[in-house]
Amino acid sequence: MRKGERLTRMLMLAVQRHAGQYDKAGQPYILHPLRVMGYVMELPYVDPEDEDIRCIAVGHDLKEDCNVTDDEFRFHGQSERTIVGIDHLTKRDDETYEMKVARICSNRDSMIAKLGDLRDNSDLRRIKGVTEKDLRRVVEYHRMYKEITDRLKA
């Protein structure tokens, strides 16, 4: 594949599958993975030419929220590295916080993409009518962000 083609395909898949979805502020959901990609590309751990990390960031919610399968990712030209990175970011049923962090931290790409996701999800401007539950969730996000950055620095 030519340079940029896998990212283009992931962007098209994300736009298609997130169509009609909205975030808690009533904005089109596709804006979230696009912001996550932007945040990821600002991190010092990321090679600006790394197409896989961009694809992981854009596609990070597709398996969990849109039921995209690994075979669908392959059909759309995604690499095994991208597929594994997204899989490590996908929530599991009955998983503890510690299990979730361990899963994410078992894959460097997932750790990096999760930092972008946590940064965007911590932005309370994205939520109409912030509640105590929202504040508790942001505290958990910051805790996870610190745990991941500490591991990346080690």
Foldseek 3Di string as FASTA:
>chain_A
DDQPQLLVLLLVVLCVQQPPPAFQLRHRPLVLLVQLLVVLCPDPVDDVSDSLLNSLSSCLCCCAPRVQDPVNSVVSPHDPLNVQLSVLSHDDPPADPVRNLVSQLVRLSSLSSLLSNLVSLLPCVSHDPDDPVSVVVNVSSVVSNVVSVVSVVD
